[in-house]
Every structure is written in C-alpha cells, then in structure tokens.
Amino acid sequence: MPSIFVDTSGWGHLVDPSQAFHKQAADLYRRARQEGSRVITTNYILTELVALLTSPLRIPRARTIAFIASLKSSPSVDVVVDTTLDAQAWQLLVDRPDKVWSLVDCSSFVVMRRNRLVEALTTDPHFEQAGFVCPTEAVEMAWIYLIIAGLLEVVLASWLKKTDGFTRLGPSLITISVMCVSFYLLGVALKTLPIGTGYAVWVGIGAVGTALVGLLLLGEPATWLRLVSIALIVLGVIGLRLAEGGAHLHKNEWPHRREASTPNRDDCSDGRLMKIRNSHRLLHQ
C-alpha cells in the first residue's frame, strides 16, 4: 500500500464508531500501519479536526485530546508542521482564483506534492481538481489493471501451446511479450491491492479463461465436474472483489452526527446520502 494523505473527514470516520464508514476507515488505517506505509497529515488538518470532533460529532473532550495525542505520537503518522507551508499554501490560494479551494485545501495539496502522494483519504472534489485521487478511485483502477492482466494470462496460455516448447520464433516472441505486459500490469495493481487478493484473482481469471478457451475452441470435454469447478473459481474471484471493495471509503460521504434514522431531505439526492454543505470540507480537507 503506498503512502496516503488523510484529510479531516477521514480522521472523523476513524475516531467515531457511529459513522457509516468507520470500519472502512479503520481497515485502511490498520492496513497502512501493518504494511509500514506512511500516513501523512498536517497541523492544519488537526486544527480543523478538533473543531469537527467537538461539533458536529460531539466527541467528548478527553477522547478528542487522547486521539489527537495518539496521532502526534504514532510512528506511523507524519504530522507536517512547517514554517514555509503557510506561505506556500497562501501563494497557491492566490495563484488559483478560478478555484474555491480553502487555505487548508491548499496546504494539503502542497504537502502531497512535496511527498509525491497521489492518494488522499477524502471525498472532497477539490482534491480531484488538483489532480489527486481518493483510495476508492485508486482501487478501481487497480482492479481494471488486474482484470486486463488476467485476460492477458489467457492469451499467454493460448499462445504458449503454439510455441511448441519455445521452438517456434513467432509464437514464442508473442508469448513472452504478452507475459511481460501481464506481469507488469499485475505489479501495478499490487501496489494498491493486497497481494493475496490480487494474485489469487489474477490466477483465477487466467484459469477460468484458459479453461473456457479449451472448452469452446479446442474441443475439450465439458464434464459436469469441470463446469462446477470453473463456477467455483468464478465465485471465489467475485467474493474476493466484494471483500476488497468493502475496505474502502465510498465517495461523497461525510462524517456527521446522525440525529435520526432517516436522512434529512436536504441531504439526499436520488436516494443516496450526499455531502453536508457547510463550512467544513470534512472528508477531503
């Protein structure tokens, strides 16, 4: 897992178990610590986080202080406190009058660019405007790369038979080229996805695809045991995809104090909970 920047609302989801995506935020944070990835935030974020936890989340003061103190002392979390950051953030704000970015947004962008980060635990569209992505988007792209890599493995297996033990130059060159591209895309996907999930899905796609090629194009027997086995592999791949998808925050979700079981009409659009529009850019700042 690459290093990640955490915005105010990301911490809000983590600290408050009543939030809809507390588990996803906790899973991301736990995974980052286990894999030794850097979790980066700023003193701007922590300042805003105190206000968020106080209101609207209404977290007890002692718990707020303990949580902030744990972040500052954690070896996994880098809190950027830089005397030059304010000047650079202010200059970015001045240089982009076409955007409605806050000063906290600009300070986050400066820190992310300094550290060459591309992912932020946030749903603030301002991060996307600045060229960054949220973990959900990165995971979606990783799955696209993984699926393409798996399909290329099917092509690889099909051409491998035509190499005649790598004694035929043309098929051998095609096989080696496809193999290199497949492994490259698999490596790119594994930068974001867990290796257990990514490798298993890659092998599963290749196995199912190659088996279908054998059944449909090469005349291999379609026994009931073979078909059931292929179906089980497909179910396993789907299960891994669903399990991995649940470990990431959904876009357009803000931490907020839920006062009633039914969302307010102003907070809903087409049945989906939308971001609360207030002065805090809670999940992406």
C-alpha atoms as a PDB file:
ATOM      1  CA  MET A   1       0.000   0.000   0.000  1.00  0.00           C
ATOM      2  CA  PRO A   2       1.509   3.374  -0.967  1.00  0.00           C
ATOM      3  CA  SER A   3       1.740   6.292   1.428  1.00  0.00           C
ATOM      4  CA  ILE A   4      -1.531   8.157   1.864  1.00  0.00           C
ATOM      5  CA  PHE A   5      -2.662  11.605   2.948  1.00  0.00           C
ATOM      6  CA  VAL A   6      -5.535  11.715   5.462  1.00  0.00           C
ATOM      7  CA  ASP A   7      -7.906  14.663   5.493  1.00  0.00           C
ATOM      8  CA  THR A   8     -10.104  15.919   8.321  1.00  0.00           C
ATOM      9  CA  SER A   9     -13.115  13.807   7.481  1.00  0.00           C
ATOM     10  CA  GLY A  10     -11.001  10.683   7.117  1.00  0.00           C
ATOM     11  CA  TRP A  11      -9.903  11.054  10.748  1.00  0.00           C
ATOM     12  CA  GLY A  12     -13.526  11.811  11.654  1.00  0.00           C
ATOM     13  CA  HIS A  13     -14.704   8.489  10.251  1.00  0.00           C
ATOM     14  CA  LEU A  14     -11.874   6.730  12.060  1.00  0.00           C
ATOM     15  CA  VAL A  15     -12.468   8.165  15.516  1.00  0.00           C
ATOM     16  CA  ASP A  16     -16.280   7.967  15.604  1.00  0.00           C
ATOM     17  CA  PRO A  17     -17.740   4.414  15.514  1.00  0.00           C
ATOM     18  CA  SER A  18     -21.201   5.822  14.773  1.00  0.00           C
ATOM     19  CA  GLN A  19     -20.104   6.935  11.309  1.00  0.00           C
ATOM     20  CA  ALA A  20     -21.242   4.837   8.367  1.00  0.00           C
ATOM     21  CA  PHE A  21     -17.700   4.184   7.168  1.00  0.00           C
ATOM     22  CA  HIS A  22     -15.862   3.859  10.460  1.00  0.00           C
ATOM     23  CA  LYS A  23     -14.960   0.241   9.702  1.00  0.00           C
ATOM     24  CA  GLN A  24     -13.605   1.068   6.249  1.00  0.00           C
ATOM     25  CA  ALA A  25     -11.501   3.929   7.603  1.00  0.00           C
ATOM     26  CA  ALA A  26     -10.229   1.724  10.429  1.00  0.00           C
ATOM     27  CA  ASP A  27      -9.358  -1.057   7.965  1.00  0.00           C
ATOM     28  CA  LEU A  28      -7.395   1.358   5.772  1.00  0.00           C
ATOM     29  CA  TYR A  29      -5.524   2.816   8.728  1.00  0.00           C
ATOM     30  CA  ARG A  30      -4.764  -0.649  10.158  1.00  0.00           C
ATOM     31  CA  ARG A  31      -3.551  -1.879   6.791  1.00  0.00           C
ATOM     32  CA  ALA A  32      -1.272   1.134   6.354  1.00  0.00           C
ATOM     33  CA  ARG A  33       0.313   0.517   9.759  1.00  0.00           C
ATOM     34  CA  GLN A  34       0.724  -3.218   9.159  1.00  0.00           C
ATOM     35  CA  GLU A  35       2.419  -2.641   5.797  1.00  0.00           C
ATOM     36  CA  GLY A  36       4.620   0.153   7.124  1.00  0.00           C
ATOM     37  CA  SER A  37       3.090   2.769   4.822  1.00  0.00           C
ATOM     38  CA  ARG A  38       3.370   6.427   5.775  1.00  0.00           C
ATOM     39  CA  VAL A  39       0.183   8.160   6.873  1.00  0.00           C
ATOM     40  CA  ILE A  40       0.623  11.889   6.330  1.00  0.00           C
ATOM     41  CA  THR A  41      -1.459  14.786   7.632  1.00  0.00           C
ATOM     42  CA  THR A  42      -0.824  18.396   8.676  1.00  0.00           C
ATOM     43  CA  ASN A  43      -1.233  20.670  11.657  1.00  0.00           C
ATOM     44  CA  TYR A  44      -3.931  22.444   9.611  1.00  0.00           C
ATOM     45  CA  ILE A  45      -5.887  19.185   9.479  1.00  0.00           C
ATOM     46  CA  LEU A  46      -5.502  18.542  13.199  1.00  0.00           C
ATOM     47  CA  THR A  47      -6.679  22.079  13.986  1.00  0.00           C
ATOM     48  CA  GLU A  48      -9.769  21.546  11.884  1.00  0.00           C
ATOM     49  CA  LEU A  49     -10.225  18.055  13.307  1.00  0.00           C
ATOM     50  CA  VAL A  50     -10.589  19.440  16.842  1.00  0.00           C
ATOM     51  CA  ALA A  51     -13.482  21.596  15.604  1.00  0.00           C
ATOM     52  CA  LEU A  52     -15.050  18.643  13.760  1.00  0.00           C
ATOM     53  CA  LEU A  53     -14.866  16.304  16.754  1.00  0.00           C
ATOM     54  CA  THR A  54     -16.266  18.996  19.031  1.00  0.00           C
ATOM     55  CA  SER A  55     -19.124  19.864  16.685  1.00  0.00           C
ATOM     56  CA  PRO A  56     -20.941  18.339  14.857  1.00  0.00           C
ATOM     57  CA  LEU A  57     -19.594  14.941  16.000  1.00  0.00           C
ATOM     58  CA  ARG A  58     -19.783  15.870  19.705  1.00  0.00           C
ATOM     59  CA  ILE A  59     -16.917  13.630  20.748  1.00  0.00           C
ATOM     60  CA  PRO A  60     -16.060  14.071  24.465  1.00  0.00           C
ATOM     61  CA  ARG A  61     -13.190  16.495  25.007  1.00  0.00           C
ATOM     62  CA  ALA A  62     -10.983  13.975  26.789  1.00  0.00           C
ATOM     63  CA  ARG A  63     -11.385  11.495  23.941  1.00  0.00           C
ATOM     64  CA  THR A  64     -10.614  14.177  21.361  1.00  0.00           C
ATOM     65  CA  ILE A  65      -7.417  15.132  23.172  1.00  0.00           C
ATOM     66  CA  ALA A  66      -6.379  11.491  23.536  1.00  0.00           C
ATOM     67  CA  PHE A  67      -6.974  10.795  19.850  1.00  0.00           C
ATOM     68  CA  ILE A  68      -5.022  13.843  18.648  1.00  0.00           C
ATOM     69  CA  ALA A  69      -2.197  12.993  21.058  1.00  0.00           C
ATOM     70  CA  SER A  70      -2.080   9.411  19.729  1.00  0.00           C
ATOM     71  CA  LEU A  71      -1.721  10.702  16.166  1.00  0.00           C
ATOM     72  CA  LYS A  72       1.111  13.027  17.140  1.00  0.00           C
ATOM     73  CA  SER A  73       2.980  10.245  18.922  1.00  0.00           C
ATOM     74  CA  SER A  74       2.321   7.451  16.428  1.00  0.00           C
ATOM     75  CA  PRO A  75       5.398   6.281  14.481  1.00  0.00           C
ATOM     76  CA  SER A  76       3.087   5.568  11.526  1.00  0.00           C
ATOM     77  CA  VAL A  77       1.745   9.114  11.243  1.00  0.00           C
ATOM     78  CA  ASP A  78       3.721  12.093   9.964  1.00  0.00           C
ATOM     79  CA  VAL A  79       2.188  15.405  11.087  1.00  0.00           C
ATOM     80  CA  VAL A  80       3.673  18.101   8.869  1.00  0.00           C
ATOM     81  CA  VAL A  81       4.401  21.303  10.770  1.00  0.00           C
ATOM     82  CA  ASP A  82       6.400  23.591   8.509  1.00  0.00           C
ATOM     83  CA  THR A  83       7.016  27.310   8.776  1.00  0.00           C
ATOM     84  CA  THR A  84       7.223  27.572   4.982  1.00  0.00           C
ATOM     85  CA  LEU A  85       3.966  25.676   4.441  1.00  0.00           C
ATOM     86  CA  ASP A  86       1.764  28.657   5.272  1.00  0.00           C
ATOM     87  CA  ALA A  87       3.484  30.880   2.713  1.00  0.00           C
ATOM     88  CA  GLN A  88       3.343  28.225   0.005  1.00  0.00           C
ATOM     89  CA  ALA A  89      -0.300  27.385   0.733  1.00  0.00           C
ATOM     90  CA  TRP A  90      -1.229  31.057   0.659  1.00  0.00           C
ATOM     91  CA  GLN A  91       0.586  31.541  -2.643  1.00  0.00           C
ATOM     92  CA  LEU A  92      -1.281  28.600  -4.169  1.00  0.00           C
ATOM     93  CA  LEU A  93      -4.560  30.118  -2.970  1.00  0.00           C
ATOM     94  CA  VAL A  94      -3.620  33.441  -4.591  1.00  0.00           C
ATOM     95  CA  ASP A  95      -2.451  31.791  -7.812  1.00  0.00           C
ATOM     96  CA  ARG A  96      -5.719  29.915  -8.353  1.00  0.00           C
ATOM     97  CA  PRO A  97      -8.534  32.499  -8.198  1.00  0.00           C
ATOM     98  CA  ASP A  98     -10.526  30.222 -10.514  1.00  0.00           C
ATOM     99  CA  LYS A  99     -10.924  27.689  -7.686  1.00  0.00           C
ATOM    100  CA  VAL A 100     -12.770  27.920  -4.369  1.00  0.00           C
ATOM    101  CA  TRP A 101     -10.115  25.966  -2.510  1.00  0.00           C
ATOM    102  CA  SER A 102      -9.732  26.740   1.179  1.00  0.00           C
ATOM    103  CA  LEU A 103      -6.384  27.501   2.765  1.00  0.00           C
ATOM    104  CA  VAL A 104      -6.495  24.035   4.363  1.00  0.00           C
ATOM    105  CA  ASP A 105      -7.036  22.525   0.912  1.00  0.00           C
ATOM    106  CA  CYS A 106      -4.037  24.400  -0.457  1.00  0.00           C
ATOM    107  CA  SER A 107      -1.791  23.362   2.431  1.00  0.00           C
ATOM    108  CA  SER A 108      -2.798  19.730   1.842  1.00  0.00           C
ATOM    109  CA  PHE A 109      -2.020  19.997  -1.872  1.00  0.00           C
ATOM    110  CA  VAL A 110       1.405  21.485  -1.151  1.00  0.00           C
ATOM    111  CA  VAL A 111       2.276  18.676   1.259  1.00  0.00           C
ATOM    112  CA  MET A 112       1.033  15.993  -1.128  1.00  0.00           C
ATOM    113  CA  ARG A 113       3.098  17.367  -3.991  1.00  0.00           C
ATOM    114  CA  ARG A 114       6.187  17.631  -1.795  1.00  0.00           C
ATOM    115  CA  ASN A 115       5.853  13.981  -0.824  1.00  0.00           C
ATOM    116  CA  ARG A 116       4.771  12.833  -4.300  1.00  0.00           C
ATOM    117  CA  LEU A 117       1.491  11.466  -2.988  1.00  0.00           C
ATOM    118  CA  VAL A 118      -1.417  10.729  -5.291  1.00  0.00           C
ATOM    119  CA  GLU A 119      -3.996   9.329  -2.844  1.00  0.00           C
ATOM    120  CA  ALA A 120      -5.930  11.168  -0.154  1.00  0.00           C
ATOM    121  CA  LEU A 121      -8.463   9.685   2.253  1.00  0.00           C
ATOM    122  CA  THR A 122     -11.143  12.191   1.323  1.00  0.00           C
ATOM    123  CA  THR A 123     -14.204  12.769  -0.825  1.00  0.00           C
ATOM    124  CA  ASP A 124     -13.630  16.484  -1.400  1.00  0.00           C
ATOM    125  CA  PRO A 125     -13.856  17.149  -5.170  1.00  0.00           C
ATOM    126  CA  HIS A 126     -11.188  19.836  -4.722  1.00  0.00           C
ATOM    127  CA  PHE A 127      -8.585  17.084  -4.419  1.00  0.00           C
ATOM    128  CA  GLU A 128      -9.672  15.702  -7.775  1.00  0.00           C
ATOM    129  CA  GLN A 129      -9.475  19.205  -9.262  1.00  0.00           C
ATOM    130  CA  ALA A 130      -5.896  19.403  -8.042  1.00  0.00           C
ATOM    131  CA  GLY A 131      -5.045  16.086  -9.702  1.00  0.00           C
ATOM    132  CA  PHE A 132      -5.241  13.710  -6.736  1.00  0.00           C
ATOM    133  CA  VAL A 133      -7.435  10.661  -6.195  1.00  0.00           C
ATOM    134  CA  CYS A 134      -9.198   9.067  -3.256  1.00  0.00           C
ATOM    135  CA  PRO A 135      -8.387   5.431  -2.332  1.00  0.00           C
ATOM    136  CA  THR A 136     -11.615   4.240  -3.918  1.00  0.00           C
ATOM    137  CA  GLU A 137     -10.568   5.585  -7.311  1.00  0.00           C
ATOM    138  CA  ALA A 138      -7.098   4.089  -6.969  1.00  0.00           C
ATOM    139  CA  VAL A 139      -8.630   0.710  -6.118  1.00  0.00           C
ATOM    140  CA  GLU A 140     -10.964   0.896  -9.106  1.00  0.00           C
ATOM    141  CA  MET A 141      -8.011   1.495 -11.422  1.00  0.00           C
ATOM    142  CA  ALA A 142      -6.053  -1.313  -9.744  1.00  0.00           C
ATOM    143  CA  TRP A 143      -8.896  -3.734 -10.431  1.00  0.00           C
ATOM    144  CA  ILE A 144      -9.011  -2.637 -14.068  1.00  0.00           C
ATOM    145  CA  TYR A 145      -5.270  -3.318 -14.400  1.00  0.00           C
ATOM    146  CA  LEU A 146      -5.709  -6.659 -12.636  1.00  0.00           C
ATOM    147  CA  ILE A 147      -8.544  -7.793 -14.909  1.00  0.00           C
ATOM    148  CA  ILE A 148      -6.553  -6.842 -18.027  1.00  0.00           C
ATOM    149  CA  ALA A 149      -3.532  -8.703 -16.624  1.00  0.00           C
ATOM    150  CA  GLY A 150      -5.703 -11.782 -16.027  1.00  0.00           C
ATOM    151  CA  LEU A 151      -7.137 -11.675 -19.549  1.00  0.00           C
ATOM    152  CA  LEU A 152      -3.627 -11.378 -20.956  1.00  0.00           C
ATOM    153  CA  GLU A 153      -2.756 -14.514 -18.999  1.00  0.00           C
ATOM    154  CA  VAL A 154      -5.463 -16.292 -21.002  1.00  0.00           C
ATOM    155  CA  VAL A 155      -3.840 -15.047 -24.209  1.00  0.00           C
ATOM    156  CA  LEU A 156      -0.488 -16.147 -22.817  1.00  0.00           C
ATOM    157  CA  ALA A 157      -1.720 -19.668 -22.129  1.00  0.00           C
ATOM    158  CA  SER A 158      -3.303 -19.927 -25.574  1.00  0.00           C
ATOM    159  CA  TRP A 159      -0.121 -18.878 -27.381  1.00  0.00           C
ATOM    160  CA  LEU A 160       2.075 -20.948 -25.082  1.00  0.00           C
ATOM    161  CA  LYS A 161       0.712 -24.103 -26.673  1.00  0.00           C
ATOM    162  CA  LYS A 162       1.580 -22.745 -30.109  1.00  0.00           C
ATOM    163  CA  THR A 163       5.232 -22.193 -29.213  1.00  0.00           C
ATOM    164  CA  ASP A 164       5.837 -25.950 -29.353  1.00  0.00           C
ATOM    165  CA  GLY A 165       8.145 -25.753 -26.373  1.00  0.00           C
ATOM    166  CA  PHE A 166       9.504 -22.341 -27.463  1.00  0.00           C
ATOM    167  CA  THR A 167      10.899 -23.845 -30.659  1.00  0.00           C
ATOM    168  CA  ARG A 168       8.836 -21.553 -32.927  1.00  0.00           C
ATOM    169  CA  LEU A 169      10.130 -17.983 -33.001  1.00  0.00           C
ATOM    170  CA  GLY A 170       6.941 -16.041 -33.822  1.00  0.00           C
ATOM    171  CA  PRO A 171       4.632 -17.608 -31.216  1.00  0.00           C
ATOM    172  CA  SER A 172       7.471 -17.558 -28.679  1.00  0.00           C
ATOM    173  CA  LEU A 173       8.007 -13.801 -29.102  1.00  0.00           C
ATOM    174  CA  ILE A 174       4.268 -13.137 -28.803  1.00  0.00           C
ATOM    175  CA  THR A 175       4.049 -15.322 -25.688  1.00  0.00           C
ATOM    176  CA  ILE A 176       6.987 -13.604 -23.984  1.00  0.00           C
ATOM    177  CA  SER A 177       5.655 -10.131 -24.870  1.00  0.00           C
ATOM    178  CA  VAL A 178       2.183 -10.893 -23.523  1.00  0.00           C
ATOM    179  CA  MET A 179       3.707 -12.398 -20.384  1.00  0.00           C
ATOM    180  CA  CYS A 180       5.766  -9.245 -19.728  1.00  0.00           C
ATOM    181  CA  VAL A 181       2.765  -6.959 -20.133  1.00  0.00           C
ATOM    182  CA  SER A 182       0.607  -9.197 -17.923  1.00  0.00           C
ATOM    183  CA  PHE A 183       3.211  -9.275 -15.146  1.00  0.00           C
ATOM    184  CA  TYR A 184       3.729  -5.519 -15.411  1.00  0.00           C
ATOM    185  CA  LEU A 185       0.013  -4.777 -15.002  1.00  0.00           C
ATOM    186  CA  LEU A 186      -0.172  -7.270 -12.138  1.00  0.00           C
ATOM    187  CA  GLY A 187       2.676  -5.431 -10.423  1.00  0.00           C
ATOM    188  CA  VAL A 188       0.931  -2.078 -10.884  1.00  0.00           C
ATOM    189  CA  ALA A 189      -2.292  -3.490  -9.418  1.00  0.00           C
ATOM    190  CA  LEU A 190      -0.463  -4.962  -6.411  1.00  0.00           C
ATOM    191  CA  LYS A 191       0.826  -1.504  -5.490  1.00  0.00           C
ATOM    192  CA  THR A 192      -2.747  -0.857  -4.264  1.00  0.00           C
ATOM    193  CA  LEU A 193      -4.377  -4.261  -3.736  1.00  0.00           C
ATOM    194  CA  PRO A 194      -3.294  -6.854  -1.145  1.00  0.00           C
ATOM    195  CA  ILE A 195      -1.014  -9.456  -2.719  1.00  0.00           C
ATOM    196  CA  GLY A 196      -3.215 -12.331  -1.549  1.00  0.00           C
ATOM    197  CA  THR A 197      -6.297 -10.878  -3.227  1.00  0.00           C
ATOM    198  CA  GLY A 198      -4.557  -9.602  -6.350  1.00  0.00           C
ATOM    199  CA  TYR A 199      -2.551 -12.719  -7.125  1.00  0.00           C
ATOM    200  CA  ALA A 200      -5.461 -15.070  -6.428  1.00  0.00           C
ATOM    201  CA  VAL A 201      -7.790 -13.103  -8.715  1.00  0.00           C
ATOM    202  CA  TRP A 202      -5.117 -12.912 -11.441  1.00  0.00           C
ATOM    203  CA  VAL A 203      -4.631 -16.681 -11.325  1.00  0.00           C
ATOM    204  CA  GLY A 204      -8.410 -17.228 -11.161  1.00  0.00           C
ATOM    205  CA  ILE A 205      -9.133 -15.123 -14.244  1.00  0.00           C
ATOM    206  CA  GLY A 206      -6.374 -16.892 -16.127  1.00  0.00           C
ATOM    207  CA  ALA A 207      -7.556 -20.332 -15.051  1.00  0.00           C
ATOM    208  CA  VAL A 208     -11.213 -19.726 -15.910  1.00  0.00           C
ATOM    209  CA  GLY A 209     -10.410 -18.014 -19.192  1.00  0.00           C
ATOM    210  CA  THR A 210      -7.994 -20.737 -20.282  1.00  0.00           C
ATOM    211  CA  ALA A 211     -10.482 -23.451 -19.334  1.00  0.00           C
ATOM    212  CA  LEU A 212     -13.203 -21.751 -21.398  1.00  0.00           C
ATOM    213  CA  VAL A 213     -10.862 -21.431 -24.366  1.00  0.00           C
ATOM    214  CA  GLY A 214     -10.225 -25.168 -24.098  1.00  0.00           C
ATOM    215  CA  LEU A 215     -13.928 -25.960 -23.929  1.00  0.00           C
ATOM    216  CA  LEU A 216     -15.138 -23.581 -26.616  1.00  0.00           C
ATOM    217  CA  LEU A 217     -12.261 -23.502 -29.115  1.00  0.00           C
ATOM    218  CA  LEU A 218     -10.183 -26.623 -28.584  1.00  0.00           C
ATOM    219  CA  GLY A 219     -12.952 -29.161 -28.153  1.00  0.00           C
ATOM    220  CA  GLU A 220     -12.023 -30.257 -24.641  1.00  0.00           C
ATOM    221  CA  PRO A 221     -14.769 -32.265 -22.868  1.00  0.00           C
ATOM    222  CA  ALA A 222     -17.311 -30.205 -20.884  1.00  0.00           C
ATOM    223  CA  THR A 223     -17.841 -32.585 -17.987  1.00  0.00           C
ATOM    224  CA  TRP A 224     -20.091 -31.541 -15.111  1.00  0.00           C
ATOM    225  CA  LEU A 225     -17.163 -31.667 -12.670  1.00  0.00           C
ATOM    226  CA  ARG A 226     -15.141 -29.314 -14.846  1.00  0.00           C
ATOM    227  CA  LEU A 227     -18.041 -26.870 -15.190  1.00  0.00           C
ATOM    228  CA  VAL A 228     -18.726 -26.895 -11.433  1.00  0.00           C
ATOM    229  CA  SER A 229     -15.033 -26.290 -10.737  1.00  0.00           C
ATOM    230  CA  ILE A 230     -14.979 -23.301 -13.122  1.00  0.00           C
ATOM    231  CA  ALA A 231     -18.098 -21.897 -11.447  1.00  0.00           C
ATOM    232  CA  LEU A 232     -16.473 -22.198  -8.017  1.00  0.00           C
ATOM    233  CA  ILE A 233     -13.399 -20.298  -9.223  1.00  0.00           C
ATOM    234  CA  VAL A 234     -15.657 -17.550 -10.599  1.00  0.00           C
ATOM    235  CA  LEU A 235     -17.491 -17.318  -7.276  1.00  0.00           C
ATOM    236  CA  GLY A 236     -14.169 -17.109  -5.463  1.00  0.00           C
ATOM    237  CA  VAL A 237     -12.990 -14.233  -7.670  1.00  0.00           C
ATOM    238  CA  ILE A 238     -16.284 -12.382  -7.134  1.00  0.00           C
ATOM    239  CA  GLY A 239     -16.042 -12.946  -3.382  1.00  0.00           C
ATOM    240  CA  LEU A 240     -12.505 -11.530  -3.246  1.00  0.00           C
ATOM    241  CA  ARG A 241     -13.615  -8.487  -5.245  1.00  0.00           C
ATOM    242  CA  LEU A 242     -16.541  -7.830  -2.915  1.00  0.00           C
ATOM    243  CA  ALA A 243     -14.396  -8.330   0.187  1.00  0.00           C
ATOM    244  CA  GLU A 244     -11.736  -5.914  -1.037  1.00  0.00           C
ATOM    245  CA  GLY A 245     -14.301  -3.335  -2.154  1.00  0.00           C
ATOM    246  CA  GLY A 246     -15.709  -3.157   1.378  1.00  0.00           C
ATOM    247  CA  ALA A 247     -12.413  -1.976   2.814  1.00  0.00           C
ATOM    248  CA  HIS A 248     -12.527   1.484   1.263  1.00  0.00           C
ATOM    249  CA  LEU A 249     -14.462   4.624   1.947  1.00  0.00           C
ATOM    250  CA  HIS A 250     -17.195   5.436  -0.504  1.00  0.00           C
ATOM    251  CA  LYS A 251     -17.087   8.745  -2.319  1.00  0.00           C
ATOM    252  CA  ASN A 252     -19.389  11.607  -1.371  1.00  0.00           C
ATOM    253  CA  GLU A 253     -19.814  10.567   2.252  1.00  0.00           C
ATOM    254  CA  TRP A 254     -19.111  12.980   5.101  1.00  0.00           C
ATOM    255  CA  PRO A 255     -18.832  12.282   8.825  1.00  0.00           C
ATOM    256  CA  HIS A 256     -21.816  13.764  10.608  1.00  0.00           C
ATOM    257  CA  ARG A 257     -23.874  13.279  13.732  1.00  0.00           C
ATOM    258  CA  ARG A 258     -26.918  11.208  12.811  1.00  0.00           C
ATOM    259  CA  GLU A 259     -29.812  12.629  14.791  1.00  0.00           C
ATOM    260  CA  ALA A 260     -32.463  10.434  13.207  1.00  0.00           C
ATOM    261  CA  SER A 261     -32.670   7.107  11.444  1.00  0.00           C
ATOM    262  CA  THR A 262     -33.918   8.751   8.235  1.00  0.00           C
ATOM    263  CA  PRO A 263     -31.685  11.285   6.456  1.00  0.00           C
ATOM    264  CA  ASN A 264     -32.926  14.822   6.069  1.00  0.00           C
ATOM    265  CA  ARG A 265     -34.430  15.621   2.664  1.00  0.00           C
ATOM    266  CA  ASP A 266     -31.793  18.298   2.060  1.00  0.00           C
ATOM    267  CA  ASP A 267     -29.055  15.695   2.495  1.00  0.00           C
ATOM    268  CA  CYS A 268     -30.432  13.275  -0.095  1.00  0.00           C
ATOM    269  CA  SER A 269     -30.454  13.074  -3.851  1.00  0.00           C
ATOM    270  CA  ASP A 270     -31.958  10.103  -5.734  1.00  0.00           C
ATOM    271  CA  GLY A 271     -31.936   8.091  -2.515  1.00  0.00           C
ATOM    272  CA  ARG A 272     -28.207   8.486  -1.855  1.00  0.00           C
ATOM    273  CA  LEU A 273     -26.733  10.248   1.125  1.00  0.00           C
ATOM    274  CA  MET A 274     -24.811  13.289  -0.122  1.00  0.00           C
ATOM    275  CA  LYS A 275     -22.228  15.562   1.492  1.00  0.00           C
ATOM    276  CA  ILE A 276     -23.478  18.042   4.070  1.00  0.00           C
ATOM    277  CA  ARG A 277     -22.782  21.516   2.744  1.00  0.00           C
ATOM    278  CA  ASN A 278     -21.221  23.554   5.491  1.00  0.00           C
ATOM    279  CA  SER A 279     -18.027  25.434   6.181  1.00  0.00           C
ATOM    280  CA  HIS A 280     -16.055  22.245   6.894  1.00  0.00           C
ATOM    281  CA  ARG A 281     -14.718  20.197   3.962  1.00  0.00           C
ATOM    282  CA  LEU A 282     -14.864  17.269   6.301  1.00  0.00           C
ATOM    283  CA  LEU A 283     -13.679  14.270   4.390  1.00  0.00           C
ATOM    284  CA  HIS A 284     -11.253  15.764   1.882  1.00  0.00           C
ATOM    285  CA  GLN A 285      -9.530  18.644   3.620  1.00  0.00           C
END
